[in-house]
Each structure stands twice: as C-alpha cells, then as structure tokens.
Amino acid sequence: MPGRKVGIRLIISVMIVGALVGFGIRQIVDSQQKSSPAGIVGTVKSSGTARVGGAFSMADHRGRQVTDRNFHGKFMLIFFGYTFCPDICPTELQTMSEVLDSLGRDADKLHPVFATIDPERDTAAVLADYLSNFHPHFTGLTGTAQQVADIAKTFGVFYSRVKSQNASDRDPDWDKDYLMNHSSFIFLMDDNGKFRAAFRAGIANAGMIRRIRNELAK
C-alpha cells in the first residue's frame, strides 16, 4: 500500500510541524510575559507625543451637546464600540466598571466614556438605557455620522459596518442586525486631554489599576 504509507507519513509530518509551531508561539508569549511587569501585558505605553485625542463635538447620552473641553479637569477613560456588540464591548465596559470600583476615591478623578461607532442605532436614549447596566459615572457619546467619523479619526480608531449574510447584494438597505468591526482599545487621557496610555482588550484589571494610579500621581 504505497499510497497509504505516503499518506501516513504526510500526516505525521504535519503533526510534527504543527507541534513545533505551537511550541514556538508559546515561547514568544512566555518571553513577552516575563519581560513585562505583572499585569501590564497588553498595555501600550506612550513615548514622546502620541497623536491620540484632540478636539471633538458630540452629543452625550442625555442629549446635551458636549466637546472635549467638557472632559478637561479630570482624566478620561474612553472606549469606542456600539450597543449591539455581542461580546467585546460589554466585556470591556464591565472591565472599566470593575476598575473604577477598585480605584475607590481615585475613581472620582476619572471620566469613564463610551463613544459609539454606530450612530444610526445608538441614539442618546439607547445609550442611556445601555449604560444603566454599567458604572453610574459613565458618559455615552453619539452624534452624526460625520461627528462619529471625526472623533474616531482623532483617536485613531478603525471601524466598519459588516454586511449581514441575509442581506441581498442588490438591496442598498442592509438589515438592522448588522455587526461592526472596530478596534478595541481603552484610552487613558489626562486632565488636559493629552494621551497617557492605551489598554488592549483583555488586559488584567490589576494592570490597568496600577497604570492609572501611576498616571494620576504624576
């Protein structure tokens, strides 16, 4: 059975290569974790002047018009997402809520903000209802499609609408159950609106808390 022997050899070779690749990836991850302070893996540290943040004009979840200046005087912890998000957004907002609870009195020095990248569905009323599930100090931001595009560009946030598989290519009106692709960083800005740090999704709470306290103390 020459063909069968060749097939078995090929399968064994693939398994060996797969094992080696997996081992290599694990070694890289372990190396990164050992070289980073505990809990800080996944943090993007600022170096020099980062082009993150700046002027913006939006509406908050109470329907009031606000600008970036409304958030000066306190640090801002801001995440971009949307209320129909099935996983990463509620998870990150819950993380932010837990971090604020753990910060104790230091939490009063922060503005936690959730900025939508889906203004078509995320009206002020929708944001208000959604944020009632998280920390009471949260502010929601929405606006016109252009305002959302502007603030996303200011923070270097990527987002795009994903067409539903059930929608017809000939139908210009996509169904209302669409999803959004978007970057998932939590940005920390200082009391003058300057960038201090960005936390990748999934970072340990202890790492965020330590970094935030360090920045507040500067």
N, C-alpha and C. Protein backbone atom coordinates (compact mmCIF):
# COMPACT_ATOMS: atom_id res chain seq x y z
N MET A 1 0.83 -1.20 0.00
CA MET A 1 0.00 0.00 0.00
C MET A 1 0.87 1.26 0.00
N PRO A 2 1.60 1.52 -1.10
CA PRO A 2 2.50 2.69 -1.12
C PRO A 2 1.78 3.99 -0.84
N GLY A 3 0.57 4.13 -1.45
CA GLY A 3 -0.17 5.38 -1.27
C GLY A 3 -0.54 5.61 0.17
N ARG A 4 -0.92 4.53 0.85
CA ARG A 4 -1.32 4.67 2.25
C ARG A 4 -0.14 5.06 3.12
N LYS A 5 1.05 4.46 2.83
CA LYS A 5 2.25 4.80 3.61
C LYS A 5 2.62 6.26 3.45
N VAL A 6 2.51 6.73 2.20
CA VAL A 6 2.81 8.15 1.95
C VAL A 6 1.85 9.04 2.72
N GLY A 7 0.57 8.64 2.73
CA GLY A 7 -0.43 9.44 3.44
C GLY A 7 -0.14 9.50 4.92
N ILE A 8 0.25 8.37 5.51
CA ILE A 8 0.56 8.33 6.94
C ILE A 8 1.78 9.19 7.25
N ARG A 9 2.80 9.09 6.39
CA ARG A 9 4.00 9.92 6.59
C ARG A 9 3.68 11.41 6.51
N LEU A 10 2.79 11.77 5.58
CA LEU A 10 2.41 13.18 5.43
C LEU A 10 1.69 13.68 6.68
N ILE A 11 0.79 12.86 7.22
CA ILE A 11 0.05 13.26 8.42
C ILE A 11 1.00 13.44 9.59
N ILE A 12 1.97 12.49 9.74
CA ILE A 12 2.94 12.59 10.83
C ILE A 12 3.79 13.85 10.69
N SER A 13 4.19 14.15 9.45
CA SER A 13 4.99 15.36 9.22
C SER A 13 4.24 16.62 9.59
N VAL A 14 2.95 16.67 9.20
CA VAL A 14 2.13 17.84 9.53
C VAL A 14 1.99 18.00 11.03
N MET A 15 1.79 16.87 11.74
CA MET A 15 1.66 16.93 13.20
C MET A 15 2.92 17.46 13.85
N ILE A 16 4.08 17.00 13.34
CA ILE A 16 5.35 17.46 13.91
C ILE A 16 5.56 18.95 13.69
N VAL A 17 5.28 19.41 12.46
CA VAL A 17 5.41 20.84 12.16
C VAL A 17 4.46 21.66 13.03
N GLY A 18 3.22 21.18 13.18
CA GLY A 18 2.24 21.90 14.00
C GLY A 18 2.69 22.01 15.43
N ALA A 19 3.27 20.91 15.95
CA ALA A 19 3.75 20.93 17.34
C ALA A 19 4.89 21.93 17.51
N LEU A 20 5.80 21.97 16.53
CA LEU A 20 6.92 22.91 16.61
C LEU A 20 6.46 24.35 16.54
N VAL A 21 5.50 24.63 15.65
CA VAL A 21 4.97 26.00 15.54
C VAL A 21 4.29 26.41 16.83
N GLY A 22 3.47 25.49 17.39
CA GLY A 22 2.79 25.80 18.65
C GLY A 22 3.76 26.08 19.76
N PHE A 23 4.84 25.27 19.83
CA PHE A 23 5.86 25.48 20.85
C PHE A 23 6.54 26.83 20.68
N GLY A 24 6.80 27.20 19.44
CA GLY A 24 7.45 28.48 19.17
C GLY A 24 6.61 29.66 19.59
N ILE A 25 5.29 29.60 19.28
CA ILE A 25 4.39 30.67 19.68
C ILE A 25 4.33 30.79 21.19
N ARG A 26 4.26 29.64 21.87
CA ARG A 26 4.21 29.66 23.33
C ARG A 26 5.45 30.28 23.93
N GLN A 27 6.61 29.97 23.33
CA GLN A 27 7.86 30.54 23.82
C GLN A 27 7.87 32.06 23.69
N ILE A 28 7.30 32.56 22.57
CA ILE A 28 7.25 34.01 22.36
C ILE A 28 6.37 34.67 23.41
N VAL A 29 5.18 34.07 23.65
CA VAL A 29 4.25 34.62 24.64
C VAL A 29 4.88 34.62 26.02
N ASP A 30 5.52 33.47 26.40
CA ASP A 30 6.16 33.39 27.70
C ASP A 30 7.25 34.44 27.84
N SER A 31 8.00 34.65 26.75
CA SER A 31 9.07 35.64 26.78
C SER A 31 8.53 37.04 26.99
N GLN A 32 7.40 37.36 26.32
CA GLN A 32 6.80 38.67 26.46
C GLN A 32 6.28 38.88 27.88
N GLN A 33 5.67 37.84 28.45
CA GLN A 33 5.12 37.96 29.80
C GLN A 33 6.23 38.14 30.83
N LYS A 34 7.36 37.41 30.63
CA LYS A 34 8.46 37.52 31.58
C LYS A 34 9.14 38.88 31.50
N SER A 35 9.13 39.48 30.31
CA SER A 35 9.82 40.77 30.11
C SER A 35 8.95 41.96 30.45
N SER A 36 7.64 41.73 30.75
CA SER A 36 6.73 42.82 31.08
C SER A 36 6.38 42.77 32.55
N PRO A 37 6.15 43.93 33.20
CA PRO A 37 5.73 43.94 34.58
C PRO A 37 4.41 43.20 34.72
N ALA A 38 4.22 42.56 35.87
CA ALA A 38 3.00 41.77 36.10
C ALA A 38 1.76 42.61 35.89
N GLY A 39 0.83 42.09 35.09
CA GLY A 39 -0.43 42.77 34.87
C GLY A 39 -0.39 43.83 33.80
N ILE A 40 0.78 44.14 33.25
CA ILE A 40 0.89 45.22 32.28
C ILE A 40 0.93 44.68 30.86
N VAL A 41 0.97 43.36 30.70
CA VAL A 41 0.95 42.79 29.35
C VAL A 41 -0.30 43.25 28.63
N GLY A 42 -0.14 43.83 27.46
CA GLY A 42 -1.30 44.32 26.72
C GLY A 42 -1.46 45.82 26.83
N THR A 43 -0.56 46.49 27.54
CA THR A 43 -0.63 47.94 27.65
C THR A 43 0.25 48.58 26.59
N VAL A 44 -0.27 49.62 25.94
CA VAL A 44 0.54 50.39 25.01
C VAL A 44 1.02 51.62 25.75
N LYS A 45 2.32 51.74 25.94
CA LYS A 45 2.85 52.87 26.68
C LYS A 45 3.19 54.01 25.73
N SER A 46 2.96 55.23 26.20
CA SER A 46 3.24 56.39 25.36
C SER A 46 4.72 56.67 25.33
N SER A 47 5.19 57.17 24.21
CA SER A 47 6.59 57.55 24.07
C SER A 47 6.64 58.82 23.25
N GLY A 48 7.10 59.91 23.85
CA GLY A 48 7.07 61.19 23.17
C GLY A 48 5.64 61.72 23.12
N THR A 49 5.29 62.38 22.03
CA THR A 49 3.95 62.95 21.88
C THR A 49 3.14 62.07 20.93
N ALA A 50 2.18 61.36 21.48
CA ALA A 50 1.34 60.48 20.67
C ALA A 50 0.21 61.27 20.04
N ARG A 51 -0.10 60.97 18.79
CA ARG A 51 -1.18 61.66 18.11
C ARG A 51 -2.50 60.93 18.37
N VAL A 52 -2.93 60.96 19.60
CA VAL A 52 -4.17 60.33 20.02
C VAL A 52 -4.98 61.36 20.78
N GLY A 53 -6.22 61.54 20.38
CA GLY A 53 -7.08 62.50 21.06
C GLY A 53 -6.99 63.88 20.43
N GLY A 54 -7.87 64.75 20.89
CA GLY A 54 -7.93 66.11 20.36
C GLY A 54 -9.34 66.65 20.45
N ALA A 55 -9.61 67.69 19.68
CA ALA A 55 -10.92 68.34 19.74
C ALA A 55 -12.00 67.46 19.12
N PHE A 56 -13.17 67.47 19.74
CA PHE A 56 -14.33 66.78 19.17
C PHE A 56 -15.61 67.45 19.67
N SER A 57 -16.69 67.22 18.95
CA SER A 57 -18.00 67.75 19.30
C SER A 57 -19.01 66.62 19.12
N MET A 58 -19.72 66.27 20.19
CA MET A 58 -20.65 65.16 20.17
C MET A 58 -21.90 65.49 21.00
N ALA A 59 -22.80 64.55 21.09
CA ALA A 59 -23.95 64.65 22.00
C ALA A 59 -23.78 63.55 23.04
N ASP A 60 -24.08 63.86 24.31
CA ASP A 60 -23.95 62.82 25.33
C ASP A 60 -25.24 62.01 25.44
N HIS A 61 -25.27 61.05 26.34
CA HIS A 61 -26.42 60.14 26.43
C HIS A 61 -27.66 60.81 27.02
N ARG A 62 -27.51 62.07 27.44
CA ARG A 62 -28.67 62.84 27.91
C ARG A 62 -29.16 63.81 26.84
N GLY A 63 -28.51 63.78 25.68
CA GLY A 63 -28.92 64.64 24.58
C GLY A 63 -28.28 66.00 24.58
N ARG A 64 -27.33 66.23 25.47
CA ARG A 64 -26.66 67.53 25.55
C ARG A 64 -25.46 67.57 24.62
N GLN A 65 -25.22 68.71 24.00
CA GLN A 65 -24.07 68.89 23.14
C GLN A 65 -22.83 69.11 24.00
N VAL A 66 -21.79 68.34 23.74
CA VAL A 66 -20.56 68.45 24.52
C VAL A 66 -19.35 68.48 23.57
N THR A 67 -18.25 68.97 24.09
CA THR A 67 -16.99 68.95 23.35
C THR A 67 -15.93 68.33 24.24
N ASP A 68 -14.74 68.20 23.72
CA ASP A 68 -13.64 67.64 24.51
C ASP A 68 -13.36 68.46 25.76
N ARG A 69 -13.65 69.76 25.69
CA ARG A 69 -13.38 70.64 26.83
C ARG A 69 -14.27 70.33 28.04
N ASN A 70 -15.41 69.72 27.80
CA ASN A 70 -16.28 69.33 28.91
C ASN A 70 -15.64 68.25 29.78
N PHE A 71 -14.62 67.58 29.25
CA PHE A 71 -13.99 66.50 29.98
C PHE A 71 -12.63 66.89 30.55
N HIS A 72 -12.21 68.12 30.30
CA HIS A 72 -10.97 68.60 30.89
C HIS A 72 -11.17 68.81 32.39
N GLY A 73 -10.10 68.69 33.13
CA GLY A 73 -10.18 68.84 34.58
C GLY A 73 -10.14 67.50 35.29
N LYS A 74 -10.46 66.43 34.56
CA LYS A 74 -10.35 65.07 35.06
C LYS A 74 -9.71 64.20 33.98
N PHE A 75 -9.14 63.08 34.40
CA PHE A 75 -8.67 62.11 33.42
C PHE A 75 -9.89 61.47 32.74
N MET A 76 -9.70 61.02 31.53
CA MET A 76 -10.78 60.37 30.81
C MET A 76 -10.36 58.96 30.40
N LEU A 77 -11.23 58.00 30.66
CA LEU A 77 -11.03 56.62 30.24
C LEU A 77 -12.10 56.34 29.20
N ILE A 78 -11.71 56.21 27.93
CA ILE A 78 -12.68 56.16 26.84
C ILE A 78 -12.52 54.91 25.98
N PHE A 79 -13.67 54.30 25.67
CA PHE A 79 -13.71 53.11 24.83
C PHE A 79 -14.70 53.35 23.70
N PHE A 80 -14.36 52.89 22.49
CA PHE A 80 -15.21 53.03 21.32
C PHE A 80 -15.85 51.68 20.99
N GLY A 81 -17.17 51.69 20.82
CA GLY A 81 -17.88 50.46 20.50
C GLY A 81 -19.30 50.75 20.09
N TYR A 82 -20.19 49.79 20.30
CA TYR A 82 -21.60 50.01 19.95
C TYR A 82 -22.49 49.09 20.78
N THR A 83 -23.72 49.49 21.02
CA THR A 83 -24.58 48.78 21.96
C THR A 83 -25.04 47.42 21.46
N PHE A 84 -25.04 47.19 20.14
CA PHE A 84 -25.44 45.90 19.59
C PHE A 84 -24.28 44.91 19.58
N CYS A 85 -23.13 45.33 20.04
CA CYS A 85 -21.94 44.48 20.07
C CYS A 85 -22.20 43.25 20.95
N PRO A 86 -21.97 42.05 20.43
CA PRO A 86 -22.32 40.85 21.19
C PRO A 86 -21.31 40.41 22.24
N ASP A 87 -20.08 40.91 22.18
CA ASP A 87 -19.09 40.35 23.09
C ASP A 87 -18.08 41.36 23.65
N ILE A 88 -17.20 41.89 22.80
CA ILE A 88 -16.08 42.68 23.29
C ILE A 88 -16.52 43.96 24.01
N CYS A 89 -17.55 44.63 23.52
CA CYS A 89 -17.96 45.91 24.12
C CYS A 89 -18.49 45.75 25.54
N PRO A 90 -19.48 44.88 25.77
CA PRO A 90 -19.94 44.73 27.15
C PRO A 90 -18.84 44.22 28.08
N THR A 91 -17.96 43.38 27.54
CA THR A 91 -16.86 42.86 28.35
C THR A 91 -15.92 43.98 28.78
N GLU A 92 -15.56 44.86 27.85
CA GLU A 92 -14.64 45.95 28.17
C GLU A 92 -15.29 47.00 29.07
N LEU A 93 -16.57 47.26 28.87
CA LEU A 93 -17.26 48.22 29.74
C LEU A 93 -17.37 47.65 31.16
N GLN A 94 -17.57 46.35 31.26
CA GLN A 94 -17.59 45.72 32.59
C GLN A 94 -16.22 45.81 33.24
N THR A 95 -15.17 45.62 32.45
CA THR A 95 -13.81 45.76 32.97
C THR A 95 -13.58 47.17 33.48
N MET A 96 -14.00 48.16 32.70
CA MET A 96 -13.85 49.55 33.13
C MET A 96 -14.62 49.80 34.42
N SER A 97 -15.82 49.24 34.53
CA SER A 97 -16.63 49.41 35.73
C SER A 97 -15.94 48.81 36.95
N GLU A 98 -15.38 47.62 36.78
CA GLU A 98 -14.69 46.96 37.89
C GLU A 98 -13.44 47.73 38.30
N VAL A 99 -12.74 48.26 37.32
CA VAL A 99 -11.54 49.06 37.61
C VAL A 99 -11.93 50.32 38.39
N LEU A 100 -12.99 50.98 37.99
CA LEU A 100 -13.44 52.18 38.70
C LEU A 100 -13.84 51.85 40.13
N ASP A 101 -14.51 50.74 40.33
CA ASP A 101 -14.88 50.33 41.69
C ASP A 101 -13.64 50.07 42.52
N SER A 102 -12.63 49.45 41.93
CA SER A 102 -11.41 49.12 42.66
C SER A 102 -10.55 50.34 42.97
N LEU A 103 -10.69 51.38 42.18
CA LEU A 103 -9.90 52.60 42.39
C LEU A 103 -10.34 53.39 43.61
N GLY A 104 -11.53 53.12 44.10
CA GLY A 104 -12.01 53.83 45.28
C GLY A 104 -12.16 55.32 45.02
N ARG A 105 -11.57 56.13 45.89
CA ARG A 105 -11.69 57.59 45.75
C ARG A 105 -11.02 58.11 44.49
N ASP A 106 -10.02 57.40 44.00
CA ASP A 106 -9.34 57.83 42.77
C ASP A 106 -10.28 57.80 41.57
N ALA A 107 -11.36 57.02 41.66
CA ALA A 107 -12.32 56.95 40.56
C ALA A 107 -12.99 58.31 40.31
N ASP A 108 -13.05 59.15 41.35
CA ASP A 108 -13.65 60.48 41.20
C ASP A 108 -12.79 61.39 40.31
N LYS A 109 -11.56 60.99 40.04
CA LYS A 109 -10.67 61.78 39.20
C LYS A 109 -10.78 61.39 37.73
N LEU A 110 -11.70 60.48 37.42
CA LEU A 110 -11.83 59.95 36.06
C LEU A 110 -13.21 60.17 35.47
N HIS A 111 -13.26 60.44 34.15
CA HIS A 111 -14.49 60.42 33.37
C HIS A 111 -14.50 59.11 32.57
N PRO A 112 -15.31 58.12 32.92
CA PRO A 112 -15.43 56.95 32.05
C PRO A 112 -16.38 57.26 30.89
N VAL A 113 -15.95 56.99 29.67
CA VAL A 113 -16.73 57.38 28.48
C VAL A 113 -16.86 56.21 27.51
N PHE A 114 -18.07 56.05 26.98
CA PHE A 114 -18.32 55.06 25.93
C PHE A 114 -18.79 55.82 24.70
N ALA A 115 -17.96 55.81 23.64
CA ALA A 115 -18.28 56.53 22.40
C ALA A 115 -18.72 55.54 21.34
N THR A 116 -19.91 55.74 20.78
CA THR A 116 -20.41 54.80 19.79
C THR A 116 -19.75 55.00 18.42
N ILE A 117 -19.64 53.90 17.69
CA ILE A 117 -19.20 53.96 16.30
C ILE A 117 -20.37 53.54 15.39
N ASP A 118 -21.58 53.52 15.99
CA ASP A 118 -22.79 53.10 15.28
C ASP A 118 -23.91 54.11 15.54
N PRO A 119 -23.77 55.35 15.07
CA PRO A 119 -24.75 56.39 15.39
C PRO A 119 -26.14 56.13 14.82
N GLU A 120 -26.23 55.30 13.78
CA GLU A 120 -27.53 55.02 13.18
C GLU A 120 -28.47 54.36 14.18
N ARG A 121 -27.94 53.48 15.01
CA ARG A 121 -28.78 52.79 16.00
C ARG A 121 -28.60 53.34 17.41
N ASP A 122 -27.41 53.83 17.71
CA ASP A 122 -27.11 54.28 19.07
C ASP A 122 -27.48 55.74 19.29
N THR A 123 -28.75 55.98 19.50
CA THR A 123 -29.22 57.32 19.84
C THR A 123 -28.88 57.60 21.31
N ALA A 124 -29.11 58.81 21.74
CA ALA A 124 -28.85 59.16 23.14
C ALA A 124 -29.68 58.28 24.08
N ALA A 125 -30.94 58.04 23.72
CA ALA A 125 -31.82 57.22 24.57
C ALA A 125 -31.32 55.78 24.64
N VAL A 126 -30.88 55.24 23.52
CA VAL A 126 -30.36 53.87 23.50
C VAL A 126 -29.10 53.77 24.36
N LEU A 127 -28.22 54.75 24.25
CA LEU A 127 -27.00 54.76 25.05
C LEU A 127 -27.32 54.86 26.54
N ALA A 128 -28.28 55.71 26.89
CA ALA A 128 -28.65 55.87 28.29
C ALA A 128 -29.14 54.56 28.89
N ASP A 129 -29.99 53.87 28.14
CA ASP A 129 -30.50 52.59 28.62
C ASP A 129 -29.39 51.56 28.73
N TYR A 130 -28.51 51.51 27.75
CA TYR A 130 -27.42 50.54 27.73
C TYR A 130 -26.45 50.78 28.88
N LEU A 131 -26.08 52.03 29.12
CA LEU A 131 -25.09 52.34 30.14
C LEU A 131 -25.62 52.17 31.55
N SER A 132 -26.93 52.03 31.71
CA SER A 132 -27.50 51.80 33.03
C SER A 132 -27.07 50.43 33.58
N ASN A 133 -26.51 49.60 32.72
CA ASN A 133 -26.03 48.28 33.14
C ASN A 133 -24.60 48.31 33.68
N PHE A 134 -23.97 49.50 33.61
CA PHE A 134 -22.56 49.58 34.00
C PHE A 134 -22.37 50.65 35.08
N HIS A 135 -21.15 51.11 35.24
CA HIS A 135 -20.85 52.07 36.30
C HIS A 135 -21.68 53.33 36.12
N PRO A 136 -22.23 53.86 37.22
CA PRO A 136 -23.12 55.04 37.10
C PRO A 136 -22.45 56.32 36.62
N HIS A 137 -21.14 56.38 36.64
CA HIS A 137 -20.45 57.59 36.20
C HIS A 137 -20.20 57.64 34.70
N PHE A 138 -20.58 56.60 33.97
CA PHE A 138 -20.33 56.57 32.53
C PHE A 138 -21.07 57.68 31.80
N THR A 139 -20.38 58.23 30.79
CA THR A 139 -21.00 59.15 29.84
C THR A 139 -20.97 58.49 28.47
N GLY A 140 -22.10 58.50 27.78
CA GLY A 140 -22.16 57.97 26.42
C GLY A 140 -22.05 59.10 25.42
N LEU A 141 -21.39 58.86 24.31
CA LEU A 141 -21.25 59.86 23.26
C LEU A 141 -21.79 59.33 21.94
N THR A 142 -22.59 60.13 21.27
CA THR A 142 -23.10 59.81 19.95
C THR A 142 -23.14 61.10 19.14
N GLY A 143 -23.68 61.03 17.94
CA GLY A 143 -23.75 62.22 17.10
C GLY A 143 -24.09 61.86 15.68
N THR A 144 -23.78 62.74 14.78
CA THR A 144 -24.00 62.46 13.37
C THR A 144 -22.92 61.49 12.88
N ALA A 145 -23.13 60.92 11.71
CA ALA A 145 -22.14 60.02 11.13
C ALA A 145 -20.79 60.73 10.98
N GLN A 146 -20.83 62.01 10.61
CA GLN A 146 -19.59 62.77 10.43
C GLN A 146 -18.91 63.03 11.76
N GLN A 147 -19.68 63.36 12.79
CA GLN A 147 -19.09 63.60 14.11
C GLN A 147 -18.42 62.34 14.65
N VAL A 148 -19.07 61.21 14.44
CA VAL A 148 -18.50 59.94 14.88
C VAL A 148 -17.22 59.64 14.10
N ALA A 149 -17.25 59.87 12.81
CA ALA A 149 -16.06 59.65 11.99
C ALA A 149 -14.91 60.55 12.44
N ASP A 150 -15.24 61.79 12.81
CA ASP A 150 -14.22 62.75 13.22
C ASP A 150 -13.56 62.34 14.53
N ILE A 151 -14.37 61.96 15.53
CA ILE A 151 -13.78 61.60 16.83
C ILE A 151 -13.00 60.29 16.71
N ALA A 152 -13.49 59.37 15.88
CA ALA A 152 -12.77 58.11 15.69
C ALA A 152 -11.41 58.37 15.05
N LYS A 153 -11.38 59.26 14.08
CA LYS A 153 -10.12 59.61 13.42
C LYS A 153 -9.17 60.28 14.41
N THR A 154 -9.72 61.11 15.27
CA THR A 154 -8.92 61.81 16.27
C THR A 154 -8.20 60.83 17.19
N PHE A 155 -8.88 59.72 17.51
CA PHE A 155 -8.29 58.73 18.41
C PHE A 155 -7.62 57.57 17.66
N GLY A 156 -7.64 57.63 16.33
CA GLY A 156 -7.03 56.57 15.56
C GLY A 156 -7.80 55.26 15.63
N VAL A 157 -9.12 55.36 15.78
CA VAL A 157 -9.97 54.17 15.91
C VAL A 157 -10.50 53.75 14.54
N PHE A 158 -10.35 52.47 14.23
CA PHE A 158 -10.88 51.90 13.00
C PHE A 158 -12.26 51.30 13.25
N TYR A 159 -13.19 51.49 12.31
CA TYR A 159 -14.47 50.78 12.39
C TYR A 159 -15.06 50.66 11.00
N SER A 160 -15.86 49.62 10.80
CA SER A 160 -16.54 49.42 9.52
C SER A 160 -17.77 48.55 9.75
N ARG A 161 -18.76 48.77 8.91
CA ARG A 161 -20.00 48.01 9.02
C ARG A 161 -19.86 46.69 8.27
N VAL A 162 -20.34 45.62 8.88
CA VAL A 162 -20.28 44.29 8.28
C VAL A 162 -21.65 43.93 7.74
N LYS A 163 -21.71 43.63 6.45
CA LYS A 163 -22.98 43.30 5.83
C LYS A 163 -23.46 41.93 6.28
N SER A 164 -24.73 41.85 6.63
CA SER A 164 -25.32 40.59 7.06
C SER A 164 -25.35 39.60 5.91
N GLN A 165 -25.16 38.33 6.22
CA GLN A 165 -25.23 37.29 5.20
C GLN A 165 -26.64 37.17 4.62
N ASN A 166 -27.62 37.64 5.37
CA ASN A 166 -29.01 37.54 4.90
C ASN A 166 -29.41 38.69 4.00
N ALA A 167 -28.57 39.71 3.90
CA ALA A 167 -28.92 40.88 3.09
C ALA A 167 -28.56 40.64 1.63
N SER A 168 -29.42 41.09 0.75
CA SER A 168 -29.19 40.92 -0.68
C SER A 168 -28.17 41.94 -1.17
N ASP A 169 -27.29 41.50 -2.07
CA ASP A 169 -26.30 42.42 -2.64
C ASP A 169 -26.97 43.53 -3.43
N ARG A 170 -28.18 43.28 -3.90
CA ARG A 170 -28.89 44.28 -4.70
C ARG A 170 -29.71 45.24 -3.83
N ASP A 171 -29.80 44.92 -2.56
CA ASP A 171 -30.59 45.74 -1.64
C ASP A 171 -29.68 46.75 -0.96
N PRO A 172 -29.84 48.05 -1.24
CA PRO A 172 -28.97 49.05 -0.62
C PRO A 172 -29.23 49.21 0.88
N ASP A 173 -30.41 48.78 1.34
CA ASP A 173 -30.75 48.91 2.76
C ASP A 173 -30.41 47.61 3.48
N TRP A 174 -29.34 47.65 4.26
CA TRP A 174 -28.94 46.46 5.00
C TRP A 174 -29.90 46.26 6.16
N ASP A 175 -30.03 45.04 6.62
CA ASP A 175 -30.92 44.78 7.75
C ASP A 175 -30.35 45.41 9.01
N LYS A 176 -31.16 45.47 10.05
CA LYS A 176 -30.78 46.18 11.26
C LYS A 176 -29.99 45.31 12.24
N ASP A 177 -29.69 44.10 11.85
CA ASP A 177 -28.94 43.22 12.73
C ASP A 177 -27.46 43.14 12.33
N TYR A 178 -26.98 44.15 11.61
CA TYR A 178 -25.59 44.13 11.18
C TYR A 178 -24.64 44.27 12.37
N LEU A 179 -23.42 43.86 12.15
CA LEU A 179 -22.36 43.99 13.14
C LEU A 179 -21.36 45.04 12.67
N MET A 180 -20.48 45.43 13.57
CA MET A 180 -19.46 46.41 13.26
C MET A 180 -18.09 45.84 13.62
N ASN A 181 -17.15 45.96 12.70
CA ASN A 181 -15.74 45.70 13.02
C ASN A 181 -15.16 46.97 13.62
N HIS A 182 -14.39 46.85 14.67
CA HIS A 182 -13.78 48.05 15.24
C HIS A 182 -12.59 47.68 16.11
N SER A 183 -11.66 48.63 16.24
CA SER A 183 -10.52 48.43 17.13
C SER A 183 -11.01 48.49 18.57
N SER A 184 -10.26 47.88 19.46
CA SER A 184 -10.78 47.72 20.83
C SER A 184 -9.75 48.11 21.89
N PHE A 185 -9.40 49.37 21.92
CA PHE A 185 -8.51 49.90 22.93
C PHE A 185 -9.29 50.77 23.92
N ILE A 186 -8.88 50.73 25.17
CA ILE A 186 -9.37 51.68 26.16
C ILE A 186 -8.28 52.73 26.32
N PHE A 187 -8.62 53.98 26.01
CA PHE A 187 -7.63 55.07 26.05
C PHE A 187 -7.70 55.82 27.37
N LEU A 188 -6.55 56.14 27.91
CA LEU A 188 -6.46 56.98 29.10
C LEU A 188 -5.90 58.33 28.69
N MET A 189 -6.70 59.38 28.92
CA MET A 189 -6.30 60.74 28.60
C MET A 189 -6.18 61.53 29.91
N ASP A 190 -5.26 62.48 29.97
CA ASP A 190 -5.10 63.23 31.21
C ASP A 190 -6.10 64.38 31.32
N ASP A 191 -5.96 65.17 32.36
CA ASP A 191 -6.95 66.22 32.63
C ASP A 191 -6.88 67.39 31.65
N ASN A 192 -5.90 67.36 30.74
CA ASN A 192 -5.83 68.36 29.66
C ASN A 192 -6.13 67.74 28.30
N GLY A 193 -6.61 66.50 28.31
CA GLY A 193 -6.95 65.83 27.06
C GLY A 193 -5.76 65.23 26.33
N LYS A 194 -4.64 65.08 27.03
CA LYS A 194 -3.44 64.51 26.42
C LYS A 194 -3.39 63.00 26.65
N PHE A 195 -2.91 62.28 25.65
CA PHE A 195 -2.82 60.83 25.71
C PHE A 195 -1.81 60.37 26.75
N ARG A 196 -2.21 59.39 27.57
CA ARG A 196 -1.31 58.82 28.56
C ARG A 196 -1.06 57.33 28.33
N ALA A 197 -2.09 56.58 27.97
CA ALA A 197 -1.90 55.13 27.77
C ALA A 197 -3.08 54.56 27.01
N ALA A 198 -2.88 53.37 26.46
CA ALA A 198 -3.96 52.63 25.81
C ALA A 198 -3.87 51.19 26.27
N PHE A 199 -5.01 50.62 26.63
CA PHE A 199 -5.05 49.26 27.14
C PHE A 199 -5.75 48.37 26.12
N ARG A 200 -5.09 47.28 25.73
CA ARG A 200 -5.68 46.34 24.80
C ARG A 200 -6.79 45.55 25.47
N ALA A 201 -7.72 45.08 24.69
CA ALA A 201 -8.82 44.27 25.21
C ALA A 201 -8.26 43.04 25.92
N GLY A 202 -8.84 42.72 27.06
CA GLY A 202 -8.44 41.52 27.78
C GLY A 202 -7.35 41.73 28.81
N ILE A 203 -6.86 42.96 28.97
CA ILE A 203 -5.82 43.20 29.96
C ILE A 203 -6.35 42.94 31.36
N ALA A 204 -5.49 42.46 32.24
CA ALA A 204 -5.89 42.20 33.62
C ALA A 204 -6.24 43.51 34.33
N ASN A 205 -7.28 43.45 35.16
CA ASN A 205 -7.71 44.65 35.89
C ASN A 205 -6.57 45.24 36.71
N ALA A 206 -5.78 44.37 37.34
CA ALA A 206 -4.71 44.85 38.21
C ALA A 206 -3.71 45.71 37.43
N GLY A 207 -3.43 45.34 36.18
CA GLY A 207 -2.52 46.12 35.37
C GLY A 207 -3.06 47.50 35.06
N MET A 208 -4.35 47.57 34.71
CA MET A 208 -4.98 48.87 34.43
C MET A 208 -4.98 49.75 35.67
N ILE A 209 -5.34 49.17 36.79
CA ILE A 209 -5.42 49.94 38.03
C ILE A 209 -4.06 50.52 38.39
N ARG A 210 -3.04 49.69 38.30
CA ARG A 210 -1.68 50.15 38.64
C ARG A 210 -1.24 51.28 37.71
N ARG A 211 -1.47 51.10 36.41
CA ARG A 211 -1.04 52.14 35.46
C ARG A 211 -1.82 53.44 35.67
N ILE A 212 -3.12 53.34 35.89
CA ILE A 212 -3.93 54.55 36.09
C ILE A 212 -3.48 55.29 37.34
N ARG A 213 -3.24 54.57 38.42
CA ARG A 213 -2.80 55.21 39.66
C ARG A 213 -1.44 55.88 39.46
N ASN A 214 -0.56 55.23 38.71
CA ASN A 214 0.74 55.84 38.42
C ASN A 214 0.60 57.13 37.64
N GLU A 215 -0.31 57.14 36.66
CA GLU A 215 -0.52 58.35 35.84
C GLU A 215 -1.17 59.45 36.66
N LEU A 216 -2.10 59.10 37.51
CA LEU A 216 -2.76 60.11 38.34
C LEU A 216 -1.79 60.76 39.31
N ALA A 217 -0.78 60.01 39.70
CA ALA A 217 0.19 60.52 40.68
C ALA A 217 1.25 61.42 40.07
N LYS A 218 1.36 61.47 38.76
CA LYS A 218 2.40 62.28 38.11
C LYS A 218 2.08 63.76 38.20
